[in-house]
Amino acid sequence: MGRRTSSERMEYWRQQIELYEVSGQTREGYSAAQGIKVHTLDYWRRKLSNKSTADTTISESWVPIQIIEEEDGIDLSVGKVRITVRPGFNRKLLSEVIGVLAV
């Protein structure tokens, strides 16, 4: 991982956690694939979960979302953003897109 500032380290692990959550893999499987230790993944999941819970207000935690299920996928609409997810979608790419939208 190299030398990183505290904020870079937090962002790196925030992205890792997001990617893990959408990967569909077990903690062990994801950690092995990424070359990280399971207990390190668990540590950052707890650390970031506690921080985000403390920093989030009620108004920020609820966002109107519309989901339209279709035979060939799902359309998600959040505000002005619309995402269409089709069968066989790229989980990593979807996670990255959601990460950008969350900023």
N, C-alpha and C. Protein backbone atom coordinates (compact mmCIF):
# COMPACT_ATOMS: atom_id res chain seq x y z
N MET A 1 0.82 -1.19 0.00
CA MET A 1 0.00 0.00 0.00
C MET A 1 0.86 1.24 0.00
N GLY A 2 2.10 1.17 0.46
CA GLY A 2 2.98 2.33 0.42
C GLY A 2 2.64 3.36 1.48
N ARG A 3 3.37 4.46 1.47
CA ARG A 3 3.14 5.56 2.43
C ARG A 3 1.96 6.41 1.95
N ARG A 4 1.01 6.62 2.84
CA ARG A 4 -0.15 7.44 2.52
C ARG A 4 -0.44 8.36 3.69
N THR A 5 -1.06 9.47 3.37
CA THR A 5 -1.51 10.35 4.45
C THR A 5 -2.71 9.70 5.11
N SER A 6 -3.09 10.22 6.25
CA SER A 6 -4.23 9.69 6.98
C SER A 6 -5.51 9.73 6.13
N SER A 7 -5.73 10.83 5.44
CA SER A 7 -6.94 10.95 4.61
C SER A 7 -6.88 10.00 3.41
N GLU A 8 -5.70 9.81 2.84
CA GLU A 8 -5.56 8.86 1.73
C GLU A 8 -5.82 7.43 2.20
N ARG A 9 -5.33 7.11 3.39
CA ARG A 9 -5.53 5.78 3.95
C ARG A 9 -7.03 5.55 4.20
N MET A 10 -7.70 6.55 4.78
CA MET A 10 -9.14 6.43 5.03
C MET A 10 -9.90 6.23 3.72
N GLU A 11 -9.54 7.00 2.69
CA GLU A 11 -10.22 6.87 1.40
C GLU A 11 -9.96 5.50 0.78
N TYR A 12 -8.72 5.03 0.87
CA TYR A 12 -8.37 3.70 0.35
C TYR A 12 -9.25 2.64 0.99
N TRP A 13 -9.37 2.67 2.32
CA TRP A 13 -10.16 1.65 3.01
C TRP A 13 -11.65 1.84 2.80
N ARG A 14 -12.09 3.08 2.66
CA ARG A 14 -13.51 3.33 2.35
C ARG A 14 -13.85 2.66 1.01
N GLN A 15 -12.98 2.81 0.03
CA GLN A 15 -13.20 2.17 -1.28
C GLN A 15 -13.14 0.65 -1.17
N GLN A 16 -12.19 0.13 -0.39
CA GLN A 16 -12.09 -1.31 -0.21
C GLN A 16 -13.37 -1.87 0.41
N ILE A 17 -13.89 -1.19 1.40
CA ILE A 17 -15.11 -1.64 2.07
C ILE A 17 -16.29 -1.62 1.09
N GLU A 18 -16.41 -0.55 0.32
CA GLU A 18 -17.49 -0.46 -0.67
C GLU A 18 -17.38 -1.59 -1.69
N LEU A 19 -16.17 -1.83 -2.18
CA LEU A 19 -15.96 -2.91 -3.15
C LEU A 19 -16.27 -4.27 -2.55
N TYR A 20 -15.86 -4.48 -1.30
CA TYR A 20 -16.17 -5.74 -0.62
C TYR A 20 -17.68 -5.93 -0.52
N GLU A 21 -18.40 -4.89 -0.10
CA GLU A 21 -19.83 -5.01 0.13
C GLU A 21 -20.61 -5.35 -1.13
N VAL A 22 -20.17 -4.87 -2.27
CA VAL A 22 -20.89 -5.19 -3.52
C VAL A 22 -20.32 -6.41 -4.23
N SER A 23 -19.22 -6.96 -3.71
CA SER A 23 -18.56 -8.07 -4.39
C SER A 23 -19.33 -9.37 -4.32
N GLY A 24 -20.12 -9.54 -3.27
CA GLY A 24 -20.82 -10.80 -3.10
C GLY A 24 -19.92 -11.90 -2.53
N GLN A 25 -18.69 -11.55 -2.23
CA GLN A 25 -17.74 -12.53 -1.70
C GLN A 25 -17.78 -12.55 -0.18
N THR A 26 -17.25 -13.63 0.38
CA THR A 26 -17.07 -13.68 1.83
C THR A 26 -15.93 -12.74 2.19
N ARG A 27 -15.80 -12.41 3.48
CA ARG A 27 -14.68 -11.58 3.93
C ARG A 27 -13.36 -12.25 3.58
N GLU A 28 -13.31 -13.56 3.80
CA GLU A 28 -12.09 -14.31 3.54
C GLU A 28 -11.75 -14.32 2.04
N GLY A 29 -12.76 -14.55 1.21
CA GLY A 29 -12.55 -14.60 -0.24
C GLY A 29 -12.11 -13.25 -0.79
N TYR A 30 -12.78 -12.19 -0.35
CA TYR A 30 -12.43 -10.85 -0.83
C TYR A 30 -11.02 -10.48 -0.37
N SER A 31 -10.73 -10.74 0.89
CA SER A 31 -9.41 -10.39 1.44
C SER A 31 -8.30 -11.12 0.69
N ALA A 32 -8.50 -12.41 0.44
CA ALA A 32 -7.49 -13.18 -0.28
C ALA A 32 -7.29 -12.63 -1.70
N ALA A 33 -8.38 -12.29 -2.37
CA ALA A 33 -8.30 -11.77 -3.74
C ALA A 33 -7.58 -10.42 -3.78
N GLN A 34 -7.72 -9.62 -2.72
CA GLN A 34 -7.11 -8.30 -2.68
C GLN A 34 -5.73 -8.29 -2.03
N GLY A 35 -5.35 -9.44 -1.45
CA GLY A 35 -4.05 -9.50 -0.79
C GLY A 35 -4.00 -8.75 0.53
N ILE A 36 -5.14 -8.71 1.23
CA ILE A 36 -5.19 -8.04 2.53
C ILE A 36 -5.62 -9.06 3.59
N LYS A 37 -5.38 -8.76 4.84
CA LYS A 37 -5.73 -9.67 5.93
C LYS A 37 -7.18 -9.43 6.35
N VAL A 38 -7.87 -10.53 6.66
CA VAL A 38 -9.27 -10.45 7.07
C VAL A 38 -9.44 -9.54 8.28
N HIS A 39 -8.55 -9.67 9.27
CA HIS A 39 -8.71 -8.85 10.47
C HIS A 39 -8.49 -7.37 10.17
N THR A 40 -7.69 -7.05 9.15
CA THR A 40 -7.49 -5.65 8.76
C THR A 40 -8.77 -5.12 8.10
N LEU A 41 -9.37 -5.92 7.24
CA LEU A 41 -10.65 -5.55 6.62
C LEU A 41 -11.71 -5.33 7.70
N ASP A 42 -11.78 -6.24 8.66
CA ASP A 42 -12.75 -6.11 9.76
C ASP A 42 -12.51 -4.84 10.58
N TYR A 43 -11.25 -4.57 10.87
CA TYR A 43 -10.90 -3.37 11.64
C TYR A 43 -11.42 -2.12 10.94
N TRP A 44 -11.14 -1.99 9.64
CA TRP A 44 -11.55 -0.78 8.91
C TRP A 44 -13.06 -0.73 8.71
N ARG A 45 -13.70 -1.88 8.59
CA ARG A 45 -15.17 -1.88 8.50
C ARG A 45 -15.77 -1.31 9.77
N ARG A 46 -15.24 -1.74 10.94
CA ARG A 46 -15.74 -1.20 12.21
C ARG A 46 -15.41 0.27 12.35
N LYS A 47 -14.16 0.62 12.05
CA LYS A 47 -13.72 2.01 12.22
C LYS A 47 -14.54 2.97 11.36
N LEU A 48 -14.72 2.63 10.09
CA LEU A 48 -15.46 3.51 9.19
C LEU A 48 -16.95 3.49 9.47
N SER A 49 -17.46 2.37 9.94
CA SER A 49 -18.88 2.29 10.29
C SER A 49 -19.18 3.19 11.47
N ASN A 50 -18.34 3.17 12.49
CA ASN A 50 -18.53 4.03 13.67
C ASN A 50 -18.41 5.50 13.31
N LYS A 51 -17.43 5.84 12.47
CA LYS A 51 -17.22 7.23 12.08
C LYS A 51 -18.39 7.73 11.25
N SER A 52 -18.81 6.93 10.25
CA SER A 52 -19.89 7.39 9.39
C SER A 52 -21.20 7.50 10.16
N THR A 53 -21.43 6.61 11.12
CA THR A 53 -22.64 6.69 11.92
C THR A 53 -22.65 7.96 12.76
N ALA A 54 -21.51 8.29 13.34
CA ALA A 54 -21.43 9.48 14.18
C ALA A 54 -21.53 10.76 13.37
N ASP A 55 -21.03 10.75 12.14
CA ASP A 55 -20.99 11.96 11.31
C ASP A 55 -22.26 12.19 10.48
N THR A 56 -23.14 11.22 10.43
CA THR A 56 -24.31 11.32 9.57
C THR A 56 -25.51 11.82 10.37
N THR A 57 -26.15 12.84 9.85
CA THR A 57 -27.37 13.32 10.49
C THR A 57 -28.56 12.60 9.88
N ILE A 58 -29.70 12.69 10.51
CA ILE A 58 -30.90 12.03 10.02
C ILE A 58 -31.25 12.50 8.62
N SER A 59 -31.14 13.79 8.35
CA SER A 59 -31.50 14.31 7.03
C SER A 59 -30.57 13.79 5.94
N GLU A 60 -29.33 13.47 6.29
CA GLU A 60 -28.40 12.95 5.29
C GLU A 60 -28.55 11.45 5.08
N SER A 61 -29.13 10.73 6.03
CA SER A 61 -29.17 9.29 5.93
C SER A 61 -30.35 8.76 5.11
N TRP A 62 -31.37 9.56 4.85
CA TRP A 62 -32.51 9.11 4.07
C TRP A 62 -32.59 9.90 2.76
N VAL A 63 -32.52 9.17 1.67
CA VAL A 63 -32.59 9.78 0.35
C VAL A 63 -33.70 9.08 -0.43
N PRO A 64 -34.59 9.85 -1.05
CA PRO A 64 -35.64 9.20 -1.85
C PRO A 64 -35.02 8.41 -2.99
N ILE A 65 -35.48 7.19 -3.17
CA ILE A 65 -34.97 6.34 -4.24
C ILE A 65 -36.15 5.64 -4.90
N GLN A 66 -36.07 5.50 -6.19
CA GLN A 66 -37.11 4.81 -6.94
C GLN A 66 -36.47 3.63 -7.65
N ILE A 67 -37.01 2.45 -7.45
CA ILE A 67 -36.49 1.25 -8.10
C ILE A 67 -37.58 0.67 -8.98
N ILE A 68 -37.27 0.48 -10.24
CA ILE A 68 -38.21 -0.10 -11.19
C ILE A 68 -37.62 -1.42 -11.67
N GLU A 69 -38.28 -2.53 -11.31
CA GLU A 69 -37.79 -3.83 -11.73
C GLU A 69 -38.34 -4.16 -13.11
N GLU A 70 -37.46 -4.59 -13.96
CA GLU A 70 -37.83 -5.02 -15.30
C GLU A 70 -37.27 -6.41 -15.51
N GLU A 71 -37.75 -7.11 -16.49
CA GLU A 71 -37.27 -8.46 -16.75
C GLU A 71 -35.78 -8.49 -17.08
N ASP A 72 -35.29 -7.42 -17.69
CA ASP A 72 -33.89 -7.41 -18.11
C ASP A 72 -33.00 -6.57 -17.20
N GLY A 73 -33.46 -6.27 -15.97
CA GLY A 73 -32.61 -5.53 -15.05
C GLY A 73 -33.40 -4.66 -14.09
N ILE A 74 -32.69 -3.72 -13.47
CA ILE A 74 -33.29 -2.80 -12.50
C ILE A 74 -32.83 -1.38 -12.83
N ASP A 75 -33.75 -0.43 -12.79
CA ASP A 75 -33.42 0.98 -12.94
C ASP A 75 -33.50 1.62 -11.55
N LEU A 76 -32.43 2.29 -11.15
CA LEU A 76 -32.38 3.01 -9.88
C LEU A 76 -32.38 4.49 -10.18
N SER A 77 -33.24 5.24 -9.52
CA SER A 77 -33.26 6.70 -9.67
C SER A 77 -33.11 7.34 -8.30
N VAL A 78 -32.05 8.13 -8.14
CA VAL A 78 -31.81 8.87 -6.91
C VAL A 78 -31.63 10.32 -7.32
N GLY A 79 -32.61 11.16 -7.00
CA GLY A 79 -32.55 12.55 -7.45
C GLY A 79 -32.54 12.60 -8.97
N LYS A 80 -31.54 13.27 -9.53
CA LYS A 80 -31.44 13.39 -10.99
C LYS A 80 -30.62 12.27 -11.62
N VAL A 81 -30.10 11.37 -10.79
CA VAL A 81 -29.23 10.31 -11.28
C VAL A 81 -30.04 9.04 -11.51
N ARG A 82 -29.83 8.41 -12.67
CA ARG A 82 -30.51 7.16 -13.00
C ARG A 82 -29.46 6.13 -13.38
N ILE A 83 -29.52 4.97 -12.75
CA ILE A 83 -28.57 3.90 -13.03
C ILE A 83 -29.37 2.67 -13.44
N THR A 84 -29.01 2.07 -14.55
CA THR A 84 -29.64 0.84 -15.00
C THR A 84 -28.67 -0.31 -14.76
N VAL A 85 -29.14 -1.32 -14.05
CA VAL A 85 -28.32 -2.49 -13.74
C VAL A 85 -28.92 -3.68 -14.49
N ARG A 86 -28.14 -4.27 -15.34
CA ARG A 86 -28.58 -5.42 -16.14
C ARG A 86 -27.95 -6.70 -15.60
N PRO A 87 -28.56 -7.84 -15.87
CA PRO A 87 -27.96 -9.11 -15.45
C PRO A 87 -26.52 -9.21 -15.99
N GLY A 88 -25.63 -9.73 -15.16
CA GLY A 88 -24.24 -9.87 -15.56
C GLY A 88 -23.44 -8.59 -15.43
N PHE A 89 -23.96 -7.59 -14.69
CA PHE A 89 -23.29 -6.30 -14.55
C PHE A 89 -21.94 -6.44 -13.86
N ASN A 90 -21.10 -5.43 -14.03
CA ASN A 90 -19.77 -5.39 -13.43
C ASN A 90 -19.90 -4.79 -12.03
N ARG A 91 -19.79 -5.61 -11.00
CA ARG A 91 -19.98 -5.16 -9.62
C ARG A 91 -18.95 -4.10 -9.22
N LYS A 92 -17.72 -4.28 -9.63
CA LYS A 92 -16.68 -3.33 -9.27
C LYS A 92 -16.97 -1.95 -9.87
N LEU A 93 -17.36 -1.93 -11.14
CA LEU A 93 -17.69 -0.67 -11.80
C LEU A 93 -18.87 0.01 -11.12
N LEU A 94 -19.91 -0.75 -10.79
CA LEU A 94 -21.07 -0.17 -10.11
C LEU A 94 -20.66 0.43 -8.77
N SER A 95 -19.81 -0.26 -8.04
CA SER A 95 -19.33 0.24 -6.76
C SER A 95 -18.56 1.56 -6.94
N GLU A 96 -17.73 1.62 -7.96
CA GLU A 96 -16.96 2.85 -8.21
C GLU A 96 -17.89 4.01 -8.57
N VAL A 97 -18.91 3.74 -9.38
CA VAL A 97 -19.86 4.78 -9.76
C VAL A 97 -20.61 5.28 -8.53
N ILE A 98 -21.08 4.36 -7.70
CA ILE A 98 -21.79 4.74 -6.48
C ILE A 98 -20.88 5.53 -5.55
N GLY A 99 -19.60 5.12 -5.47
CA GLY A 99 -18.64 5.84 -4.66
C GLY A 99 -18.47 7.28 -5.10
N VAL A 100 -18.44 7.51 -6.41
CA VAL A 100 -18.31 8.86 -6.94
C VAL A 100 -19.56 9.67 -6.62
N LEU A 101 -20.72 9.06 -6.73
CA LEU A 101 -21.97 9.77 -6.46
C LEU A 101 -22.11 10.12 -4.98
N ALA A 102 -21.51 9.32 -4.10
CA ALA A 102 -21.64 9.53 -2.67
C ALA A 102 -20.81 10.72 -2.18
N VAL A 103 -19.87 11.18 -2.98
CA VAL A 103 -18.99 12.27 -2.56
C VAL A 103 -19.67 13.59 -2.57
